[in-house]
Protein backbone atom coordinates (compact mmCIF):
# COMPACT_ATOMS: atom_id res chain seq x y z
CA MET A 1 150.55 156.29 113.37
CA ASN A 2 149.11 159.24 111.47
CA ILE A 3 145.44 159.48 112.47
CA TRP A 4 144.54 162.90 111.11
CA ASN A 5 146.49 164.01 108.04
CA THR A 6 144.78 162.11 105.23
CA TYR A 7 146.94 163.66 102.50
CA GLN A 8 150.21 162.72 104.19
CA LEU A 9 148.92 159.21 104.80
CA ALA A 10 147.94 158.90 101.13
CA ALA A 11 151.43 160.07 100.16
CA ASP A 12 152.94 157.46 102.50
CA LEU A 13 150.78 154.77 100.88
CA ALA A 14 151.71 155.91 97.39
CA SER A 15 155.41 155.78 98.22
CA GLU A 16 154.93 152.40 99.94
CA ALA A 17 156.33 153.82 103.19
CA LEU A 18 153.93 151.78 105.34
CA SER A 19 154.63 148.17 106.23
CA GLN A 20 151.99 145.45 106.09
CA LYS A 21 151.93 145.44 109.90
CA GLN A 22 151.25 149.19 109.98
CA LYS A 23 148.43 148.77 107.46
CA ALA A 24 146.93 146.01 109.60
CA GLN A 25 147.14 148.29 112.64
CA TYR A 26 145.22 151.00 110.78
CA TYR A 27 142.56 148.45 109.87
CA ILE A 28 142.24 147.25 113.48
CA ALA A 29 142.15 150.81 114.83
CA CYS A 30 139.39 151.72 112.38
CA PHE A 31 137.30 148.76 113.56
CA TYR A 32 137.84 149.76 117.21
CA LEU A 33 136.79 153.32 116.45
CA GLN A 34 133.65 152.21 114.63
CA ILE A 35 132.57 149.98 117.50
CA ALA A 36 133.42 152.53 120.17
CA SER A 37 131.79 155.45 118.38
CA THR A 38 128.51 153.64 117.70
CA VAL A 39 128.01 151.30 120.63
CA LEU A 40 129.43 153.11 123.65
CA PRO A 41 127.44 156.36 123.31
CA MET A 42 124.24 154.33 123.02
CA TYR A 43 125.16 152.36 126.11
CA PHE A 44 126.32 155.24 128.30
CA LEU A 45 123.72 157.79 127.19
CA GLY A 46 120.83 155.37 126.78
CA TYR A 47 119.85 156.63 123.33
CA SER A 48 118.67 154.89 120.18
CA TYR A 49 118.04 151.38 121.54
CA TYR A 50 118.26 149.43 124.75
CA LEU A 51 121.68 147.95 125.27
CA ASN A 52 122.21 145.79 128.31
CA ILE A 53 125.43 144.72 130.02
CA VAL A 54 125.41 141.36 128.22
CA THR A 55 125.33 143.06 124.84
CA LEU A 56 128.13 145.39 125.89
CA ALA A 57 130.15 142.36 127.03
CA SER A 58 129.52 140.79 123.63
CA TYR A 59 130.96 143.84 121.90
CA VAL A 60 134.03 143.77 124.15
CA ALA A 61 134.49 140.06 123.38
CA THR A 62 134.07 140.83 119.67
CA LEU A 63 136.80 143.46 119.85
CA ALA A 64 139.16 140.98 121.50
CA VAL A 65 138.36 138.24 118.96
CA PHE A 66 138.73 140.72 116.10
CA HIS A 67 142.15 141.86 117.32
CA VAL A 68 143.47 138.33 117.81
CA GLY A 69 141.97 137.20 114.49
CA ALA A 70 143.36 140.10 112.46
CA MET A 71 146.80 139.62 113.97
CA SER A 72 146.70 135.87 113.30
CA VAL A 73 145.91 136.54 109.63
CA TYR A 74 148.73 139.10 109.56
CA LYS A 75 151.16 136.52 110.96
CA ALA A 76 149.95 133.90 108.49
CA CYS A 77 150.39 136.32 105.56
CA SER A 78 153.75 137.64 106.71
CA GLY A 79 155.42 134.32 105.99
CA TYR A 80 154.47 134.49 102.31
CA LYS A 81 155.14 136.97 99.54
CA LYS A 82 151.90 136.17 97.72
CA ALA A 83 149.58 138.98 98.84
CA GLY A 84 149.41 141.66 101.50
CA VAL A 85 147.43 141.16 104.66
CA LEU A 86 144.85 143.83 103.87
CA ASP A 87 144.37 142.55 100.34
CA THR A 88 143.82 139.13 101.84
CA ILE A 89 141.40 140.25 104.55
CA VAL A 90 139.38 142.58 102.35
CA VAL A 91 139.05 140.28 99.35
CA LEU A 92 138.52 137.01 101.22
CA SER A 93 136.07 138.58 103.69
CA LEU A 94 133.25 138.83 101.14
CA PRO A 95 132.85 135.12 100.32
CA VAL A 96 133.61 134.14 103.92
CA CYS A 97 131.08 136.63 105.30
CA ILE A 98 128.40 135.44 102.88
CA LYS A 99 128.82 131.90 104.23
CA ILE A 100 128.86 133.07 107.84
CA GLN A 101 125.76 135.23 107.33
CA LEU A 102 123.89 132.30 105.80
CA VAL A 103 124.63 130.19 108.88
CA TYR A 104 123.76 133.11 111.16
CA TRP A 105 120.35 133.70 109.58
CA LEU A 106 119.56 129.98 109.48
CA SER A 107 120.43 129.60 113.16
CA TYR A 108 118.47 132.76 113.98
CA ALA A 109 115.40 131.40 112.18
CA LEU A 110 115.79 128.01 113.87
CA ILE A 111 115.97 129.57 117.33
CA ALA A 112 113.00 131.81 116.57
CA VAL A 113 110.90 128.84 115.49
CA LEU A 114 111.96 126.52 118.32
CA PHE A 115 111.61 129.01 121.15
CA ALA A 116 108.85 131.30 119.91
CA GLU A 117 106.32 130.34 122.57
CA GLN A 118 108.47 129.20 125.46
CA GLN A 119 109.24 131.06 128.66
CA SER A 120 112.96 130.32 128.30
CA ALA A 121 113.12 132.24 125.03
CA ALA A 122 114.49 135.38 126.73
CA TYR A 123 117.46 133.43 128.09
CA VAL A 124 118.12 131.83 124.72
CA TRP A 125 118.17 135.25 123.02
CA LEU A 126 120.44 136.61 125.75
CA ILE A 127 122.94 133.80 125.20
CA TYR A 128 122.60 134.07 121.43
CA SER A 129 123.19 137.82 121.47
CA PHE A 130 126.35 137.37 123.50
CA VAL A 131 127.76 134.50 121.47
CA ALA A 132 126.77 135.29 117.87
CA MET A 133 128.98 138.26 117.04
CA PRO A 134 132.26 137.04 118.58
CA VAL A 135 131.77 133.61 117.01
CA MET A 136 131.05 135.12 113.60
CA VAL A 137 134.17 137.28 113.76
CA TRP A 138 136.26 134.32 114.93
CA CYS A 139 134.93 132.20 112.04
CA GLN A 140 135.74 134.97 109.55
CA PHE A 141 139.39 135.17 110.54
CA TYR A 142 139.74 131.42 111.01
CA LEU A 143 138.49 130.72 107.49
CA ILE A 144 140.67 133.46 106.00
CA LYS A 145 143.75 132.17 107.84
CA LYS A 146 142.98 128.61 106.72
CA ALA A 147 142.70 129.76 103.08
CA VAL A 148 146.03 131.60 103.40
CA GLN A 149 147.78 128.56 104.86
CA GLN A 150 146.42 126.26 102.16
CA ASN A 151 146.96 128.52 99.15
CA TYR A 152 149.86 130.91 99.79
CA ALA A 153 152.58 128.32 100.20
């Protein structure tokens, strides 16, 4: 995996020297790097915003769900010659993410209204913060995989 030489990597892409699996691995590695480079320094150094152990655990769970989800979409796409895995993930992610974000914001608003004045609100937000991101990522890949299975055959 070439992680530094952008020009050589572009040449490899242009000559179609990278497999779909390699492209998926680049995509997954980029996601890992983005999470690690933004979340971990804040957690370990205590800068920018308060990040507790539950939130860190949520990010770790999100990474695991992302990896499994991306690989499941790769496996679903590899059986068909219709479209590449990255084309599938990138293009289908927009409409899927719009739907997921609508549900996220509606559930967020509902929780805010229902628990605004209760003592248990802190626990609800703690659970919500742990569950929301991994569930959203799981839903994204599940819906993409389902669309692939229904339409690529």
